[in-house]
Protein backbone atom coordinates (compact mmCIF):
# COMPACT_ATOMS: atom_id res chain seq x y z
CA MET A 1 -10.06 20.26 13.80
CA LYS A 2 -9.64 19.59 10.28
CA LEU A 3 -10.78 16.86 8.90
CA ASP A 4 -9.60 14.79 5.76
CA ILE A 5 -12.50 12.52 5.00
CA LEU A 6 -16.02 13.42 6.74
CA ALA A 7 -18.69 10.56 5.86
CA PHE A 8 -22.11 10.95 6.85
CA GLY A 9 -24.76 8.36 7.87
CA ALA A 10 -28.94 8.57 8.73
CA HIS A 11 -28.04 6.43 11.28
CA ALA A 12 -24.71 4.74 13.47
CA ASP A 13 -23.69 1.83 11.25
CA ASP A 14 -24.75 3.13 8.37
CA VAL A 15 -21.31 4.52 7.28
CA GLU A 16 -20.03 1.11 8.54
CA ILE A 17 -21.92 -0.26 6.43
CA GLY A 18 -20.96 1.13 3.04
CA MET A 19 -17.28 2.05 3.73
CA GLY A 20 -15.89 0.19 6.97
CA GLY A 21 -13.03 -1.08 5.41
CA THR A 22 -11.82 2.47 3.07
CA ILE A 23 -11.84 4.46 6.40
CA ALA A 24 -9.68 1.89 8.42
CA LYS A 25 -7.53 1.85 5.18
CA TYR A 26 -7.37 5.58 4.92
CA ALA A 27 -6.82 6.13 8.82
CA ALA A 28 -4.04 3.27 9.01
CA GLN A 29 -2.37 5.58 6.06
CA GLY A 30 -2.87 9.06 8.21
CA LEU A 31 -5.29 10.80 6.90
CA SER A 32 -7.50 12.34 9.42
CA ILE A 33 -10.96 11.06 9.64
CA GLY A 34 -14.63 11.36 11.04
CA ILE A 35 -18.82 10.50 11.05
CA CYS A 36 -21.66 12.45 11.60
CA ASP A 37 -25.14 10.69 11.95
CA LEU A 38 -27.66 12.53 11.72
CA THR A 39 -30.50 11.12 14.17
CA GLU A 40 -29.91 8.95 17.12
CA ALA A 41 -31.86 6.32 15.28
CA GLU A 42 -34.59 6.57 17.97
CA LEU A 43 -36.87 4.10 16.01
CA SER A 44 -34.81 1.50 15.79
CA SER A 45 -37.07 -1.65 16.12
CA ASN A 46 -33.66 -3.65 18.28
CA GLY A 47 -31.93 -1.35 20.76
CA ASN A 48 -32.04 2.21 22.01
CA ALA A 49 -30.89 5.77 21.37
CA ALA A 50 -28.26 5.57 24.15
CA LEU A 51 -27.34 1.99 23.78
CA ARG A 52 -26.62 2.83 19.84
CA LYS A 53 -24.31 5.21 20.48
CA ALA A 54 -22.53 3.32 23.03
CA GLU A 55 -21.95 0.77 20.03
CA ALA A 56 -21.35 3.32 17.78
CA LYS A 57 -18.34 4.85 19.61
CA GLN A 58 -16.98 1.82 19.97
CA ALA A 59 -17.18 0.79 16.14
CA ALA A 60 -15.37 4.38 15.66
CA GLN A 61 -12.76 2.82 17.79
CA LEU A 62 -12.55 -0.16 16.09
CA LEU A 63 -11.79 1.54 12.78
CA ASN A 64 -9.47 5.09 14.01
CA VAL A 65 -11.48 6.65 13.40
CA GLU A 66 -10.91 10.49 15.26
CA VAL A 67 -14.32 12.28 15.44
CA ARG A 68 -18.04 11.67 16.11
CA GLU A 69 -20.89 13.39 16.10
CA THR A 70 -24.75 12.41 16.76
CA LEU A 71 -27.32 14.87 15.21
CA CYS A 72 -30.90 15.19 16.60
CA MET A 73 -32.56 15.02 13.64
CA LYS A 74 -35.56 13.04 13.49
CA ASP A 75 -35.43 8.97 12.32
CA ARG A 76 -37.94 8.80 10.04
CA GLY A 77 -38.03 12.80 9.84
CA LEU A 78 -35.57 12.97 7.87
CA PHE A 79 -36.94 15.55 4.76
CA LEU A 80 -35.04 18.24 2.91
CA ASN A 81 -35.59 21.24 5.44
CA GLN A 82 -33.50 24.28 5.51
CA ASP A 83 -32.98 23.41 9.52
CA TYR A 84 -31.49 20.30 8.80
CA ILE A 85 -29.68 21.57 6.00
CA ARG A 86 -27.65 24.38 8.57
CA GLN A 87 -27.15 21.29 10.76
CA ALA A 88 -25.49 19.40 8.77
CA ALA A 89 -23.81 22.45 6.86
CA GLU A 90 -22.27 23.24 10.06
CA VAL A 91 -20.28 19.85 10.14
CA ILE A 92 -19.21 20.77 7.01
CA ARG A 93 -17.76 24.18 8.00
CA LYS A 94 -17.06 23.67 11.50
CA TYR A 95 -14.79 20.09 10.47
CA ARG A 96 -13.82 21.34 6.22
CA PRO A 97 -12.96 18.36 4.90
CA ALA A 98 -11.37 17.42 1.22
CA ILE A 99 -14.52 14.72 1.19
CA VAL A 100 -17.15 14.16 2.17
CA PHE A 101 -18.93 10.70 1.70
CA ALA A 102 -23.16 9.99 2.24
CA PRO A 103 -25.13 6.89 1.90
CA TYR A 104 -26.11 6.79 -2.12
CA MET A 105 -30.10 7.39 -3.14
CA ALA A 106 -30.86 4.54 -4.91
CA ASP A 107 -32.09 2.66 -1.14
CA ARG A 108 -34.41 0.86 0.08
CA HIS A 109 -34.69 2.94 3.22
CA PRO A 110 -36.12 5.87 2.75
CA ASP A 111 -34.41 7.86 5.42
CA HIS A 112 -30.76 6.49 3.58
CA GLY A 113 -31.64 8.61 0.11
CA ASN A 114 -33.02 11.64 2.01
CA ALA A 115 -29.64 12.11 4.32
CA ALA A 116 -28.12 12.10 0.37
CA ARG A 117 -30.64 14.89 -0.52
CA ILE A 118 -29.57 16.88 2.79
CA VAL A 119 -25.99 16.58 2.60
CA GLU A 120 -25.79 17.61 -0.95
CA GLU A 121 -27.59 20.80 0.21
CA ALA A 122 -25.38 21.19 2.91
CA VAL A 123 -21.71 20.87 1.12
CA PHE A 124 -23.48 23.15 -1.37
CA SER A 125 -24.35 25.75 1.34
CA ALA A 126 -21.11 25.21 3.44
CA GLY A 127 -19.21 26.86 0.38
CA VAL A 128 -21.39 30.19 0.30
CA LYS A 129 -20.17 32.89 1.81
CA LYS A 130 -23.17 34.40 2.46
CA TYR A 131 -24.88 31.75 4.25
CA GLU A 132 -25.40 31.82 7.88
CA THR A 133 -24.67 29.12 10.25
CA THR A 134 -25.75 29.52 14.20
CA GLU A 135 -21.91 29.21 14.74
CA LYS A 136 -19.94 31.45 12.74
CA HIS A 137 -17.21 29.45 11.65
CA ASN A 138 -16.06 29.98 7.68
CA ALA A 139 -17.40 29.02 4.27
CA HIS A 140 -15.71 26.06 2.76
CA LYS A 141 -15.58 24.27 -0.58
CA VAL A 142 -15.88 20.05 -0.49
CA ARG A 143 -13.48 18.74 -2.87
CA HIS A 144 -15.31 15.71 -3.68
CA MET A 145 -18.50 13.98 -3.02
CA TYR A 146 -18.49 10.91 -2.85
CA TYR A 147 -21.37 7.77 -2.35
CA TYR A 148 -21.79 4.36 -0.53
CA MET A 149 -24.02 1.39 -0.36
CA ILE A 150 -25.84 0.68 1.93
CA ASN A 151 -28.39 -2.08 1.14
CA GLY A 152 -28.64 -4.14 -2.21
CA PHE A 153 -26.67 -4.33 -4.97
CA HIS A 154 -24.88 -1.43 -7.44
CA THR A 155 -23.08 -1.15 -9.90
CA PRO A 156 -20.01 0.99 -8.06
CA ASP A 157 -18.63 3.43 -10.61
CA PHE A 158 -15.02 3.13 -8.34
CA VAL A 159 -14.31 0.73 -5.79
CA VAL A 160 -11.62 1.11 -2.94
CA ASP A 161 -9.38 -2.22 -2.21
CA ILE A 162 -10.21 -2.66 1.86
CA SER A 163 -8.84 -7.21 0.69
CA GLU A 164 -6.43 -6.02 4.34
CA PHE A 165 -8.85 -4.41 6.01
CA ILE A 166 -12.20 -6.35 5.66
CA ASP A 167 -11.86 -8.00 9.24
CA ASN A 168 -11.71 -4.09 10.17
CA LYS A 169 -14.97 -3.58 8.88
CA ILE A 170 -16.33 -6.81 10.06
CA SER A 171 -15.38 -5.98 13.33
CA SER A 172 -16.89 -2.42 13.14
CA LEU A 173 -19.93 -4.25 12.91
CA GLN A 174 -19.96 -6.90 15.02
CA ALA A 175 -19.51 -4.21 17.75
CA TYR A 176 -23.80 -2.86 16.78
CA ARG A 177 -24.71 -6.06 18.34
CA SER A 178 -28.60 -4.89 19.38
CA GLN A 179 -28.44 -4.35 15.10
CA PHE A 180 -26.90 -7.17 13.89
CA VAL A 181 -26.88 -9.95 16.70
CA LYS A 182 -30.29 -12.22 16.92
CA THR A 183 -30.98 -12.94 20.88
CA ASP A 184 -34.49 -14.35 21.63
CA GLU A 185 -35.62 -10.54 22.95
CA SER A 186 -34.47 -9.73 19.08
CA VAL A 187 -37.38 -8.25 16.65
CA ASP A 188 -37.00 -10.10 14.06
CA THR A 189 -35.49 -7.55 10.68
CA PRO A 190 -33.68 -8.27 7.92
CA LEU A 191 -30.10 -7.20 10.46
CA VAL A 192 -30.35 -10.07 12.71
CA ASN A 193 -30.56 -12.60 9.35
CA GLY A 194 -27.08 -12.69 8.05
CA TYR A 195 -27.12 -9.07 7.35
CA VAL A 196 -23.38 -9.12 8.40
CA GLU A 197 -22.42 -12.27 6.37
CA MET A 198 -24.11 -10.53 2.80
CA ILE A 199 -22.58 -7.22 3.23
CA GLU A 200 -19.05 -9.31 3.90
CA ALA A 201 -20.01 -11.13 0.30
CA ARG A 202 -21.44 -8.45 -1.21
CA GLU A 203 -17.76 -6.61 -1.00
CA ARG A 204 -15.88 -10.22 -2.25
CA LEU A 205 -17.57 -9.67 -5.27
CA TYR A 206 -16.70 -6.06 -6.01
CA GLY A 207 -13.37 -7.37 -5.03
CA GLN A 208 -13.87 -10.11 -7.85
CA GLN A 209 -14.73 -8.17 -9.97
CA VAL A 210 -11.06 -6.06 -10.16
CA GLY A 211 -9.17 -8.46 -9.18
CA LEU A 212 -9.09 -8.06 -5.54
CA LYS A 213 -10.24 -9.92 -2.15
CA TYR A 214 -12.53 -7.62 -0.99
CA ALA A 215 -13.51 -4.78 -2.32
CA GLU A 216 -15.94 -2.18 -1.03
CA GLY A 217 -18.26 0.03 -4.20
CA PHE A 218 -19.24 3.81 -4.13
CA LYS A 219 -20.69 6.41 -7.04
CA VAL A 220 -20.20 9.24 -7.84
CA LYS A 221 -22.59 12.14 -9.94
CA LYS A 222 -19.70 13.65 -11.65
CA PRO A 223 -16.28 12.36 -13.50
CA ILE A 224 -13.21 11.31 -11.63
CA ILE A 225 -9.60 12.04 -12.08
CA ILE A 226 -7.75 8.97 -11.85
CA ASP A 227 -4.29 9.95 -10.82
CA LYS A 228 -1.29 7.93 -8.42
CA ASP A 229 -4.34 9.11 -5.28
CA LEU A 230 -7.51 8.14 -6.62
CA ILE A 231 -8.42 9.18 -3.03
CA GLY A 232 -6.78 13.16 -3.92
CA VAL A 233 -5.89 14.21 -0.51
């Protein structure tokens, strides 16, 4: 299967937090979209790996994601090494996306920034013809790489209008009940204390800055060309 967009996250729910509305929007336009979670989020304070995977499957269905893969990198062990780069490069070669998304590096959670570094290296390596991966897929050069935001508020380099898809984004986040719903058994973390409401407020603020109801913000490392189709697929 060839994908138009492949979004990587360190943990299940990272992609939905950062760009769930964008995924829903472009899936509705007929683009093929995949998500790859680098870890099973096995060290999450709430829930467990099996539950997180089930929640991730439900969230992906709500966003009309065509494929979701979970790699077996170590939660809180996402460090730059050849094995991890190779695993991510194999996924890129397998699905041959035009665009890859990764978390923005400036994030309070070290795994998010390290995930971005791994994916950056994998994007480059996947395009090198003589670079060897375990699965014998042909080399593939990604056209664009963009960065979505998880925690915090950063000035975006561009935004995507998600005004019609904010409900899709919120629904995908609510699928992660173990992470965002406070119960008597929950460990008290920032995620169970109004986190989804904070994300919605952030996207509302991004939207207001450009005259929209809601928008998701993204960062780039190289200039983008503004054309009729911003995403460039």
